[in-house]
Amino acid sequence: RGHGGGGANVLTYKESKQYKMATAFKLAHPFGIKRLMSSFA
């Protein structure tokens, strides 16, 4: 929603193709403890 860190770089469900790519990379890569967002419109 534009609050917190990341600014205009942050991907959301509104850019669905790139969002799914970024999420796929996150889940395929071993780094970190992973959290996914489940939003309302």
Full PDB file with SEQRES, HELIX, SHEET, SSBOND, CRYST1, ORIGX, SCALE, CONECT and MASTER records, all heavy atoms in Angstrom:
SEQRES   1 A   41  ARG GLY HIS GLY GLY GLY GLY ALA ASN VAL LEU THR TYR          
SEQRES   2 A   41  LYS GLU SER LYS GLN TYR LYS MET ALA THR ALA PHE LYS          
SEQRES   3 A   41  LEU ALA HIS PRO PHE GLY ILE LYS ARG LEU MET SER SER          
SEQRES   4 A   41  PHE ALA                                                      
HELIX    1 AA1 GLY A    7  ASN A    9  5                                   3    
HELIX    2 AA2 SER A   16  ALA A   28  1                                  13    
CRYST1    1.000    1.000    1.000  90.00  90.00  90.00 P 1           1          
ORIGX1      1.000000  0.000000  0.000000        0.00000                         
ORIGX2      0.000000  1.000000  0.000000        0.00000                         
ORIGX3      0.000000  0.000000  1.000000        0.00000                         
SCALE1      1.000000  0.000000  0.000000        0.00000                         
SCALE2      0.000000  1.000000  0.000000        0.00000                         
SCALE3      0.000000  0.000000  1.000000        0.00000                         
ATOM      1  N   ARG A   1       0.808  -1.218   0.000  1.00  0.00           N  
ATOM      2  CA  ARG A   1       0.000   0.000   0.000  1.00  0.00           C  
ATOM      3  C   ARG A   1       0.844   1.274   0.000  1.00  0.00           C  
ATOM      4  O   ARG A   1       0.325   2.368   0.216  1.00  0.00           O  
ATOM      5  CB  ARG A   1      -0.914   0.010   1.236  1.00  0.00           C  
ATOM      6  CG  ARG A   1      -2.008  -1.014   1.162  1.00  0.00           C  
ATOM      7  CD  ARG A   1      -2.706  -1.235   2.485  1.00  0.00           C  
ATOM      8  NE  ARG A   1      -3.887  -2.056   2.275  1.00  0.00           N  
ATOM      9  CZ  ARG A   1      -3.848  -3.370   2.075  1.00  0.00           C  
ATOM     10  NH1 ARG A   1      -2.686  -4.020   2.101  1.00  0.00           N  
ATOM     11  NH2 ARG A   1      -4.961  -4.042   1.861  1.00  0.00           N  
ATOM     12  N   GLY A   2       2.157   1.126  -0.176  1.00  0.00           N  
ATOM     13  CA  GLY A   2       3.017   2.294  -0.222  1.00  0.00           C  
ATOM     14  C   GLY A   2       3.561   2.720   1.118  1.00  0.00           C  
ATOM     15  O   GLY A   2       4.252   3.735   1.215  1.00  0.00           O  
ATOM     16  N   HIS A   3       3.256   1.958   2.193  1.00  0.00           N  
ATOM     17  CA  HIS A   3       3.801   2.233   3.517  1.00  0.00           C  
ATOM     18  C   HIS A   3       5.007   1.326   3.746  1.00  0.00           C  
ATOM     19  O   HIS A   3       5.144   0.283   3.115  1.00  0.00           O  
ATOM     20  CB  HIS A   3       2.759   1.980   4.611  1.00  0.00           C  
ATOM     21  CG  HIS A   3       1.454   2.674   4.381  1.00  0.00           C  
ATOM     22  ND1 HIS A   3       1.344   4.036   4.295  1.00  0.00           N  
ATOM     23  CD2 HIS A   3       0.210   2.176   4.198  1.00  0.00           C  
ATOM     24  CE1 HIS A   3       0.078   4.356   4.091  1.00  0.00           C  
ATOM     25  NE2 HIS A   3      -0.631   3.251   4.019  1.00  0.00           N  
ATOM     26  N   GLY A   4       5.864   1.700   4.691  1.00  0.00           N  
ATOM     27  CA  GLY A   4       6.997   0.827   5.005  1.00  0.00           C  
ATOM     28  C   GLY A   4       8.055   0.888   3.933  1.00  0.00           C  
ATOM     29  O   GLY A   4       8.086   1.794   3.101  1.00  0.00           O  
ATOM     30  N   GLY A   5       8.943  -0.103   3.913  1.00  0.00           N  
ATOM     31  CA  GLY A   5      10.112  -0.068   3.044  1.00  0.00           C  
ATOM     32  C   GLY A   5       9.856  -0.612   1.654  1.00  0.00           C  
ATOM     33  O   GLY A   5       9.036  -1.498   1.454  1.00  0.00           O  
ATOM     34  N   GLY A   6      10.576  -0.052   0.687  1.00  0.00           N  
ATOM     35  CA  GLY A   6      10.566  -0.583  -0.668  1.00  0.00           C  
ATOM     36  C   GLY A   6      10.071   0.378  -1.719  1.00  0.00           C  
ATOM     37  O   GLY A   6      10.469   0.304  -2.877  1.00  0.00           O  
ATOM     38  N   GLY A   7       9.153   1.285  -1.335  1.00  0.00           N  
ATOM     39  CA  GLY A   7       8.677   2.304  -2.251  1.00  0.00           C  
ATOM     40  C   GLY A   7       8.084   1.734  -3.531  1.00  0.00           C  
ATOM     41  O   GLY A   7       7.408   0.710  -3.543  1.00  0.00           O  
ATOM     42  N   ALA A   8       8.391   2.408  -4.638  1.00  0.00           N  
ATOM     43  CA  ALA A   8       7.806   2.040  -5.932  1.00  0.00           C  
ATOM     44  C   ALA A   8       8.356   0.732  -6.476  1.00  0.00           C  
ATOM     45  O   ALA A   8       7.815   0.193  -7.454  1.00  0.00           O  
ATOM     46  CB  ALA A   8       8.047   3.169  -6.938  1.00  0.00           C  
ATOM     47  N   ASN A   9       9.417   0.191  -5.881  1.00  0.00           N  
ATOM     48  CA  ASN A   9       9.959  -1.079  -6.355  1.00  0.00           C  
ATOM     49  C   ASN A   9       9.084  -2.270  -5.980  1.00  0.00           C  
ATOM     50  O   ASN A   9       9.177  -3.334  -6.603  1.00  0.00           O  
ATOM     51  CB  ASN A   9      11.360  -1.308  -5.780  1.00  0.00           C  
ATOM     52  CG  ASN A   9      12.414  -0.448  -6.453  1.00  0.00           C  
ATOM     53  OD1 ASN A   9      12.308  -0.149  -7.631  1.00  0.00           O  
ATOM     54  ND2 ASN A   9      13.417  -0.036  -5.692  1.00  0.00           N  
ATOM     55  N   VAL A  10       8.268  -2.130  -4.959  1.00  0.00           N  
ATOM     56  CA  VAL A  10       7.525  -3.268  -4.422  1.00  0.00           C  
ATOM     57  C   VAL A  10       6.533  -3.801  -5.452  1.00  0.00           C  
ATOM     58  O   VAL A  10       5.736  -3.054  -6.025  1.00  0.00           O  
ATOM     59  CB  VAL A  10       6.802  -2.879  -3.125  1.00  0.00           C  
ATOM     60  CG1 VAL A  10       5.922  -4.032  -2.620  1.00  0.00           C  
ATOM     61  CG2 VAL A  10       7.804  -2.480  -2.055  1.00  0.00           C  
ATOM     62  N   LEU A  11       6.571  -5.101  -5.682  1.00  0.00           N  
ATOM     63  CA  LEU A  11       5.614  -5.778  -6.548  1.00  0.00           C  
ATOM     64  C   LEU A  11       4.401  -6.231  -5.743  1.00  0.00           C  
ATOM     65  O   LEU A  11       4.538  -6.667  -4.588  1.00  0.00           O  
ATOM     66  CB  LEU A  11       6.257  -6.998  -7.199  1.00  0.00           C  
ATOM     67  CG  LEU A  11       7.170  -6.759  -8.403  1.00  0.00           C  
ATOM     68  CD1 LEU A  11       7.944  -8.032  -8.735  1.00  0.00           C  
ATOM     69  CD2 LEU A  11       6.373  -6.287  -9.610  1.00  0.00           C  
ATOM     70  N   THR A  12       3.221  -6.158  -6.342  1.00  0.00           N  
ATOM     71  CA  THR A  12       2.004  -6.636  -5.698  1.00  0.00           C  
ATOM     72  C   THR A  12       1.201  -7.471  -6.688  1.00  0.00           C  
ATOM     73  O   THR A  12       1.561  -7.602  -7.865  1.00  0.00           O  
ATOM     74  CB  THR A  12       1.127  -5.472  -5.196  1.00  0.00           C  
ATOM     75  OG1 THR A  12       0.461  -4.865  -6.328  1.00  0.00           O  
ATOM     76  CG2 THR A  12       1.963  -4.421  -4.471  1.00  0.00           C  
ATOM     77  N   TYR A  13       0.072  -7.966  -6.228  1.00  0.00           N  
ATOM     78  CA  TYR A  13      -0.808  -8.755  -7.089  1.00  0.00           C  
ATOM     79  C   TYR A  13      -1.248  -7.982  -8.328  1.00  0.00           C  
ATOM     80  O   TYR A  13      -1.670  -8.573  -9.330  1.00  0.00           O  
ATOM     81  CB  TYR A  13      -2.030  -9.217  -6.289  1.00  0.00           C  
ATOM     82  CG  TYR A  13      -3.028  -8.114  -5.981  1.00  0.00           C  
ATOM     83  CD1 TYR A  13      -4.062  -7.815  -6.873  1.00  0.00           C  
ATOM     84  CD2 TYR A  13      -2.943  -7.363  -4.813  1.00  0.00           C  
ATOM     85  CE1 TYR A  13      -4.976  -6.808  -6.609  1.00  0.00           C  
ATOM     86  CE2 TYR A  13      -3.850  -6.356  -4.544  1.00  0.00           C  
ATOM     87  CZ  TYR A  13      -4.864  -6.086  -5.445  1.00  0.00           C  
ATOM     88  OH  TYR A  13      -5.764  -5.065  -5.184  1.00  0.00           O  
ATOM     89  N   LYS A  14      -1.129  -6.659  -8.280  1.00  0.00           N  
ATOM     90  CA  LYS A  14      -1.591  -5.838  -9.407  1.00  0.00           C  
ATOM     91  C   LYS A  14      -0.673  -5.958 -10.623  1.00  0.00           C  
ATOM     92  O   LYS A  14      -1.068  -5.587 -11.733  1.00  0.00           O  
ATOM     93  CB  LYS A  14      -1.731  -4.383  -8.966  1.00  0.00           C  
ATOM     94  CG  LYS A  14      -2.783  -4.201  -7.864  1.00  0.00           C  
ATOM     95  CD  LYS A  14      -2.982  -2.748  -7.482  1.00  0.00           C  
ATOM     96  CE  LYS A  14      -4.020  -2.620  -6.381  1.00  0.00           C  
ATOM     97  NZ  LYS A  14      -4.368  -1.222  -6.083  1.00  0.00           N  
ATOM     98  N   GLU A  15       0.562  -6.415 -10.428  1.00  0.00           N  
ATOM     99  CA  GLU A  15       1.483  -6.715 -11.533  1.00  0.00           C  
ATOM    100  C   GLU A  15       1.674  -8.233 -11.543  1.00  0.00           C  
ATOM    101  O   GLU A  15       2.731  -8.742 -11.189  1.00  0.00           O  
ATOM    102  CB  GLU A  15       2.826  -6.011 -11.347  1.00  0.00           C  
ATOM    103  CG  GLU A  15       2.737  -4.484 -11.234  1.00  0.00           C  
ATOM    104  CD  GLU A  15       2.536  -3.992  -9.812  1.00  0.00           C  
ATOM    105  OE1 GLU A  15       2.862  -4.729  -8.870  1.00  0.00           O  
ATOM    106  OE2 GLU A  15       2.029  -2.854  -9.648  1.00  0.00           O  
ATOM    107  N   SER A  16       0.637  -8.950 -11.950  1.00  0.00           N  
ATOM    108  CA  SER A  16       0.548 -10.375 -11.631  1.00  0.00           C  
ATOM    109  C   SER A  16       1.668 -11.207 -12.249  1.00  0.00           C  
ATOM    110  O   SER A  16       2.176 -12.127 -11.605  1.00  0.00           O  
ATOM    111  CB  SER A  16      -0.815 -10.925 -12.037  1.00  0.00           C  
ATOM    112  OG  SER A  16      -1.015 -10.810 -13.433  1.00  0.00           O  
ATOM    113  N   LYS A  17       2.074 -10.937 -13.492  1.00  0.00           N  
ATOM    114  CA  LYS A  17       3.095 -11.776 -14.119  1.00  0.00           C  
ATOM    115  C   LYS A  17       4.426 -11.648 -13.393  1.00  0.00           C  
ATOM    116  O   LYS A  17       5.044 -12.656 -13.010  1.00  0.00           O  
ATOM    117  CB  LYS A  17       3.273 -11.422 -15.588  1.00  0.00           C  
ATOM    118  CG  LYS A  17       4.293 -12.323 -16.305  1.00  0.00           C  
ATOM    119  CD  LYS A  17       4.328 -12.058 -17.808  1.00  0.00           C  
ATOM    120  CE  LYS A  17       5.314 -12.996 -18.509  1.00  0.00           C  
ATOM    121  NZ  LYS A  17       5.319 -12.814 -19.981  1.00  0.00           N  
ATOM    122  N   GLN A  18       4.877 -10.427 -13.174  1.00  0.00           N  
ATOM    123  CA  GLN A  18       6.145 -10.225 -12.474  1.00  0.00           C  
ATOM    124  C   GLN A  18       6.049 -10.668 -11.013  1.00  0.00           C  
ATOM    125  O   GLN A  18       7.013 -11.172 -10.446  1.00  0.00           O  
ATOM    126  CB  GLN A  18       6.577  -8.760 -12.569  1.00  0.00           C  
ATOM    127  CG  GLN A  18       7.192  -8.358 -13.898  1.00  0.00           C  
ATOM    128  CD  GLN A  18       6.178  -8.391 -15.046  1.00  0.00           C  
ATOM    129  OE1 GLN A  18       5.015  -8.043 -14.868  1.00  0.00           O  
ATOM    130  NE2 GLN A  18       6.629  -8.800 -16.228  1.00  0.00           N  
ATOM    131  N   TYR A  19       4.874 -10.483 -10.430  1.00  0.00           N  
ATOM    132  CA  TYR A  19       4.681 -10.899  -9.037  1.00  0.00           C  
ATOM    133  C   TYR A  19       4.849 -12.409  -8.901  1.00  0.00           C  
ATOM    134  O   TYR A  19       5.527 -12.902  -7.993  1.00  0.00           O  
ATOM    135  CB  TYR A  19       3.291 -10.477  -8.558  1.00  0.00           C  
ATOM    136  CG  TYR A  19       3.050 -10.724  -7.089  1.00  0.00           C  
ATOM    137  CD1 TYR A  19       3.495  -9.824  -6.135  1.00  0.00           C  
ATOM    138  CD2 TYR A  19       2.387 -11.865  -6.659  1.00  0.00           C  
ATOM    139  CE1 TYR A  19       3.278 -10.047  -4.779  1.00  0.00           C  
ATOM    140  CE2 TYR A  19       2.167 -12.103  -5.304  1.00  0.00           C  
ATOM    141  CZ  TYR A  19       2.624 -11.180  -4.376  1.00  0.00           C  
ATOM    142  OH  TYR A  19       2.418 -11.413  -3.026  1.00  0.00           O  
ATOM    143  N   LYS A  20       4.246 -13.155  -9.820  1.00  0.00           N  
ATOM    144  CA  LYS A  20       4.370 -14.617  -9.775  1.00  0.00           C  
ATOM    145  C   LYS A  20       5.806 -15.050 -10.046  1.00  0.00           C  
ATOM    146  O   LYS A  20       6.289 -16.018  -9.440  1.00  0.00           O  
ATOM    147  CB  LYS A  20       3.405 -15.247 -10.786  1.00  0.00           C  
ATOM    148  CG  LYS A  20       1.946 -15.165 -10.359  1.00  0.00           C  
ATOM    149  CD  LYS A  20       1.008 -15.802 -11.354  1.00  0.00           C  
ATOM    150  CE  LYS A  20       0.813 -14.977 -12.587  1.00  0.00           C  
ATOM    151  NZ  LYS A  20      -0.230 -15.521 -13.481  1.00  0.00           N  
ATOM    152  N   MET A  21       6.513 -14.339 -10.924  1.00  0.00           N  
ATOM    153  CA  MET A  21       7.914 -14.675 -11.181  1.00  0.00           C  
ATOM    154  C   MET A  21       8.759 -14.450  -9.937  1.00  0.00           C  
ATOM    155  O   MET A  21       9.585 -15.300  -9.566  1.00  0.00           O  
ATOM    156  CB  MET A  21       8.446 -13.832 -12.349  1.00  0.00           C  
ATOM    157  CG  MET A  21       7.839 -14.176 -13.693  1.00  0.00           C  
ATOM    158  SD  MET A  21       8.340 -13.029 -15.001  1.00  0.00           S  
ATOM    159  CE  MET A  21      10.070 -13.504 -15.209  1.00  0.00           C  
ATOM    160  N   ALA A  22       8.574 -13.302  -9.303  1.00  0.00           N  
ATOM    161  CA  ALA A  22       9.347 -13.002  -8.093  1.00  0.00           C  
ATOM    162  C   ALA A  22       9.041 -14.004  -6.985  1.00  0.00           C  
ATOM    163  O   ALA A  22       9.942 -14.449  -6.261  1.00  0.00           O  
ATOM    164  CB  ALA A  22       9.051 -11.576  -7.620  1.00  0.00           C  
ATOM    165  N   THR A  23       7.780 -14.376  -6.844  1.00  0.00           N  
ATOM    166  CA  THR A  23       7.396 -15.343  -5.819  1.00  0.00           C  
ATOM    167  C   THR A  23       7.968 -16.722  -6.130  1.00  0.00           C  
ATOM    168  O   THR A  23       8.424 -17.437  -5.221  1.00  0.00           O  
ATOM    169  CB  THR A  23       5.868 -15.410  -5.692  1.00  0.00           C  
ATOM    170  OG1 THR A  23       5.364 -14.104  -5.384  1.00  0.00           O  
ATOM    171  CG2 THR A  23       5.446 -16.381  -4.606  1.00  0.00           C  
ATOM    172  N   ALA A  24       7.969 -17.087  -7.410  1.00  0.00           N  
ATOM    173  CA  ALA A  24       8.563 -18.375  -7.799  1.00  0.00           C  
ATOM    174  C   ALA A  24      10.048 -18.395  -7.476  1.00  0.00           C  
ATOM    175  O   ALA A  24      10.579 -19.411  -6.989  1.00  0.00           O  
ATOM    176  CB  ALA A  24       8.326 -18.631  -9.287  1.00  0.00           C  
ATOM    177  N   PHE A  25      10.733 -17.286  -7.753  1.00  0.00           N  
ATOM    178  CA  PHE A  25      12.160 -17.234  -7.422  1.00  0.00           C  
ATOM    179  C   PHE A  25      12.365 -17.371  -5.917  1.00  0.00           C  
ATOM    180  O   PHE A  25      13.240 -18.122  -5.464  1.00  0.00           O  
ATOM    181  CB  PHE A  25      12.772 -15.921  -7.923  1.00  0.00           C  
ATOM    182  CG  PHE A  25      14.241 -15.804  -7.633  1.00  0.00           C  
ATOM    183  CD1 PHE A  25      15.185 -16.372  -8.483  1.00  0.00           C  
ATOM    184  CD2 PHE A  25      14.699 -15.160  -6.488  1.00  0.00           C  
ATOM    185  CE1 PHE A  25      16.545 -16.286  -8.205  1.00  0.00           C  
ATOM    186  CE2 PHE A  25      16.046 -15.062  -6.192  1.00  0.00           C  
ATOM    187  CZ  PHE A  25      16.975 -15.636  -7.058  1.00  0.00           C  
ATOM    188  N   LYS A  26      11.567 -16.655  -5.146  1.00  0.00           N  
ATOM    189  CA  LYS A  26      11.684 -16.732  -3.685  1.00  0.00           C  
ATOM    190  C   LYS A  26      11.511 -18.164  -3.188  1.00  0.00           C  
ATOM    191  O   LYS A  26      12.275 -18.630  -2.329  1.00  0.00           O  
ATOM    192  CB  LYS A  26      10.629 -15.827  -3.037  1.00  0.00           C  
ATOM    193  CG  LYS A  26      10.603 -15.888  -1.510  1.00  0.00           C  
ATOM    194  CD  LYS A  26       9.476 -15.042  -0.942  1.00  0.00           C  
ATOM    195  CE  LYS A  26       8.124 -15.641  -1.229  1.00  0.00           C  
ATOM    196  NZ  LYS A  26       7.024 -14.857  -0.620  1.00  0.00           N  
ATOM    197  N   LEU A  27      10.522 -18.873  -3.727  1.00  0.00           N  
ATOM    198  CA  LEU A  27      10.235 -20.225  -3.261  1.00  0.00           C  
ATOM    199  C   LEU A  27      11.207 -21.261  -3.814  1.00  0.00           C  
ATOM    200  O   LEU A  27      11.402 -22.312  -3.211  1.00  0.00           O  
ATOM    201  CB  LEU A  27       8.798 -20.602  -3.616  1.00  0.00           C  
ATOM    202  CG  LEU A  27       7.726 -19.843  -2.818  1.00  0.00           C  
ATOM    203  CD1 LEU A  27       6.358 -20.033  -3.443  1.00  0.00           C  
ATOM    204  CD2 LEU A  27       7.727 -20.273  -1.362  1.00  0.00           C  
ATOM    205  N   ALA A  28      11.831 -20.957  -4.945  1.00  0.00           N  
ATOM    206  CA  ALA A  28      12.813 -21.885  -5.515  1.00  0.00           C  
ATOM    207  C   ALA A  28      14.184 -21.723  -4.887  1.00  0.00           C  
ATOM    208  O   ALA A  28      14.978 -22.666  -4.877  1.00  0.00           O  
ATOM    209  CB  ALA A  28      12.908 -21.677  -7.026  1.00  0.00           C  
ATOM    210  N   HIS A  29      14.459 -20.544  -4.375  1.00  0.00           N  
ATOM    211  CA  HIS A  29      15.784 -20.231  -3.826  1.00  0.00           C  
ATOM    212  C   HIS A  29      15.822 -20.597  -2.339  1.00  0.00           C  
ATOM    213  O   HIS A  29      14.839 -20.394  -1.617  1.00  0.00           O  
ATOM    214  CB  HIS A  29      16.071 -18.742  -4.020  1.00  0.00           C  
ATOM    215  CG  HIS A  29      17.512 -18.372  -3.883  1.00  0.00           C  
ATOM    216  ND1 HIS A  29      18.123 -18.204  -2.650  1.00  0.00           N  
ATOM    217  CD2 HIS A  29      18.470 -18.141  -4.809  1.00  0.00           C  
ATOM    218  CE1 HIS A  29      19.385 -17.880  -2.846  1.00  0.00           C  
ATOM    219  NE2 HIS A  29      19.627 -17.836  -4.127  1.00  0.00           N  
ATOM    220  N   PRO A  30      16.938 -21.092  -1.834  1.00  0.00           N  
ATOM    221  CA  PRO A  30      16.973 -21.556  -0.440  1.00  0.00           C  
ATOM    222  C   PRO A  30      17.070 -20.449   0.614  1.00  0.00           C  
ATOM    223  O   PRO A  30      16.969 -20.744   1.806  1.00  0.00           O  
ATOM    224  CB  PRO A  30      18.233 -22.435  -0.401  1.00  0.00           C  
ATOM    225  CG  PRO A  30      19.108 -21.920  -1.487  1.00  0.00           C  
ATOM    226  CD  PRO A  30      18.178 -21.458  -2.574  1.00  0.00           C  
ATOM    227  N   PHE A  31      17.239 -19.192   0.211  1.00  0.00           N  
ATOM    228  CA  PHE A  31      17.503 -18.147   1.192  1.00  0.00           C  
ATOM    229  C   PHE A  31      16.255 -17.759   1.984  1.00  0.00           C  
ATOM    230  O   PHE A  31      15.194 -17.498   1.417  1.00  0.00           O  
ATOM    231  CB  PHE A  31      18.064 -16.892   0.503  1.00  0.00           C  
ATOM    232  CG  PHE A  31      18.437 -15.802   1.475  1.00  0.00           C  
ATOM    233  CD1 PHE A  31      19.685 -15.792   2.071  1.00  0.00           C  
ATOM    234  CD2 PHE A  31      17.531 -14.816   1.819  1.00  0.00           C  
ATOM    235  CE1 PHE A  31      20.032 -14.811   2.984  1.00  0.00           C  
ATOM    236  CE2 PHE A  31      17.865 -13.826   2.726  1.00  0.00           C  
ATOM    237  CZ  PHE A  31      19.114 -13.820   3.307  1.00  0.00           C  
ATOM    238  N   GLY A  32      16.394 -17.689   3.303  1.00  0.00           N  
ATOM    239  CA  GLY A  32      15.399 -17.084   4.171  1.00  0.00           C  
ATOM    240  C   GLY A  32      14.246 -17.971   4.577  1.00  0.00           C  
ATOM    241  O   GLY A  32      14.013 -19.047   4.031  1.00  0.00           O  
ATOM    242  N   ILE A  33      13.506 -17.479   5.587  1.00  0.00           N  
ATOM    243  CA  ILE A  33      12.238 -18.080   6.013  1.00  0.00           C  
ATOM    244  C   ILE A  33      11.153 -17.356   5.239  1.00  0.00           C  
ATOM    245  O   ILE A  33      11.034 -16.131   5.311  1.00  0.00           O  
ATOM    246  CB  ILE A  33      12.037 -17.928   7.531  1.00  0.00           C  
ATOM    247  CG1 ILE A  33      13.148 -18.663   8.281  1.00  0.00           C  
ATOM    248  CG2 ILE A  33      10.674 -18.461   7.959  1.00  0.00           C  
ATOM    249  CD1 ILE A  33      13.194 -18.350   9.762  1.00  0.00           C  
ATOM    250  N   LYS A  34      10.341 -18.077   4.506  1.00  0.00           N  
ATOM    251  CA  LYS A  34       9.512 -17.475   3.468  1.00  0.00           C  
ATOM    252  C   LYS A  34       8.079 -17.207   3.933  1.00  0.00           C  
ATOM    253  O   LYS A  34       7.431 -18.077   4.498  1.00  0.00           O  
ATOM    254  CB  LYS A  34       9.510 -18.376   2.232  1.00  0.00           C  
ATOM    255  CG  LYS A  34      10.915 -18.551   1.653  1.00  0.00           C  
ATOM    256  CD  LYS A  34      11.015 -19.723   0.718  1.00  0.00           C  
ATOM    257  CE  LYS A  34      12.419 -19.860   0.142  1.00  0.00           C  
ATOM    258  NZ  LYS A  34      13.431 -20.168   1.173  1.00  0.00           N  
ATOM    259  N   ARG A  35       7.635 -15.979   3.655  1.00  0.00           N  
ATOM    260  CA  ARG A  35       6.243 -15.620   3.925  1.00  0.00           C  
ATOM    261  C   ARG A  35       5.585 -15.143   2.635  1.00  0.00           C  
ATOM    262  O   ARG A  35       6.195 -14.405   1.865  1.00  0.00           O  
ATOM    263  CB  ARG A  35       6.157 -14.503   4.978  1.00  0.00           C  
ATOM    264  CG  ARG A  35       4.725 -14.133   5.366  1.00  0.00           C  
ATOM    265  CD  ARG A  35       4.696 -13.038   6.416  1.00  0.00           C  
ATOM    266  NE  ARG A  35       5.252 -11.795   5.889  1.00  0.00           N  
ATOM    267  CZ  ARG A  35       5.600 -10.748   6.646  1.00  0.00           C  
ATOM    268  NH1 ARG A  35       5.476 -10.822   7.964  1.00  0.00           N  
ATOM    269  NH2 ARG A  35       6.085  -9.654   6.101  1.00  0.00           N  
ATOM    270  N   LEU A  36       4.358 -15.591   2.411  1.00  0.00           N  
ATOM    271  CA  LEU A  36       3.589 -15.189   1.240  1.00  0.00           C  
ATOM    272  C   LEU A  36       2.447 -14.283   1.666  1.00  0.00           C  
ATOM    273  O   LEU A  36       1.903 -14.431   2.767  1.00  0.00           O  
ATOM    274  CB  LEU A  36       3.027 -16.407   0.508  1.00  0.00           C  
ATOM    275  CG  LEU A  36       4.074 -17.382  -0.024  1.00  0.00           C  
ATOM    276  CD1 LEU A  36       4.139 -18.619   0.861  1.00  0.00           C  
ATOM    277  CD2 LEU A  36       3.789 -17.754  -1.461  1.00  0.00           C  
ATOM    278  N   MET A  37       2.073 -13.379   0.798  1.00  0.00           N  
ATOM    279  CA  MET A  37       0.971 -12.457   1.065  1.00  0.00           C  
ATOM    280  C   MET A  37      -0.298 -12.982   0.428  1.00  0.00           C  
ATOM    281  O   MET A  37      -0.286 -13.447  -0.725  1.00  0.00           O  
ATOM    282  CB  MET A  37       1.315 -11.077   0.498  1.00  0.00           C  
ATOM    283  CG  MET A  37       0.301  -9.988   0.810  1.00  0.00           C  
ATOM    284  SD  MET A  37       0.278  -9.602   2.568  1.00  0.00           S  
ATOM    285  CE  MET A  37      -1.363  -8.892   2.726  1.00  0.00           C  
ATOM    286  N   SER A  38      -1.401 -12.925   1.164  1.00  0.00           N  
ATOM    287  CA  SER A  38      -2.714 -13.219   0.604  1.00  0.00           C  
ATOM    288  C   SER A  38      -3.600 -12.019   0.873  1.00  0.00           C  
ATOM    289  O   SER A  38      -3.962 -11.739   2.019  1.00  0.00           O  
ATOM    290  CB  SER A  38      -3.310 -14.484   1.218  1.00  0.00           C  
ATOM    291  OG  SER A  38      -4.472 -14.876   0.515  1.00  0.00           O  
ATOM    292  N   SER A  39      -3.940 -11.309  -0.191  1.00  0.00           N  
ATOM    293  CA  SER A  39      -4.520  -9.968  -0.083  1.00  0.00           C  
ATOM    294  C   SER A  39      -6.018  -9.956  -0.305  1.00  0.00           C  
ATOM    295  O   SER A  39      -6.614 -10.909  -0.800  1.00  0.00           O  
ATOM    296  CB  SER A  39      -3.894  -9.053  -1.146  1.00  0.00           C  
ATOM    297  OG  SER A  39      -2.498  -9.160  -1.197  1.00  0.00           O  
ATOM    298  N   PHE A  40      -6.610  -8.803  -0.011  1.00  0.00           N  
ATOM    299  CA  PHE A  40      -7.909  -8.446  -0.573  1.00  0.00           C  
ATOM    300  C   PHE A  40      -7.668  -7.307  -1.555  1.00  0.00           C  
ATOM    301  O   PHE A  40      -6.674  -6.582  -1.457  1.00  0.00           O  
ATOM    302  CB  PHE A  40      -8.918  -8.053   0.511  1.00  0.00           C  
ATOM    303  CG  PHE A  40      -8.483  -6.938   1.429  1.00  0.00           C  
ATOM    304  CD1 PHE A  40      -8.612  -5.602   1.055  1.00  0.00           C  
ATOM    305  CD2 PHE A  40      -7.957  -7.219   2.687  1.00  0.00           C  
ATOM    306  CE1 PHE A  40      -8.216  -4.576   1.905  1.00  0.00           C  
ATOM    307  CE2 PHE A  40      -7.560  -6.195   3.547  1.00  0.00           C  
ATOM    308  CZ  PHE A  40      -7.690  -4.871   3.148  1.00  0.00           C  
ATOM    309  N   ALA A  41      -8.548  -7.160  -2.528  1.00  0.00           N  
ATOM    310  CA  ALA A  41      -8.373  -6.123  -3.543  1.00  0.00           C  
ATOM    311  C   ALA A  41      -8.595  -4.749  -2.918  1.00  0.00           C  
ATOM    312  O   ALA A  41      -9.470  -4.573  -2.069  1.00  0.00           O  
ATOM    313  CB  ALA A  41      -9.353  -6.350  -4.688  1.00  0.00           C  
TER     314      ALA A  41                                                      
MASTER        0    0    0    2    0    0    0    6  313    1    0    4          
END                                                                             
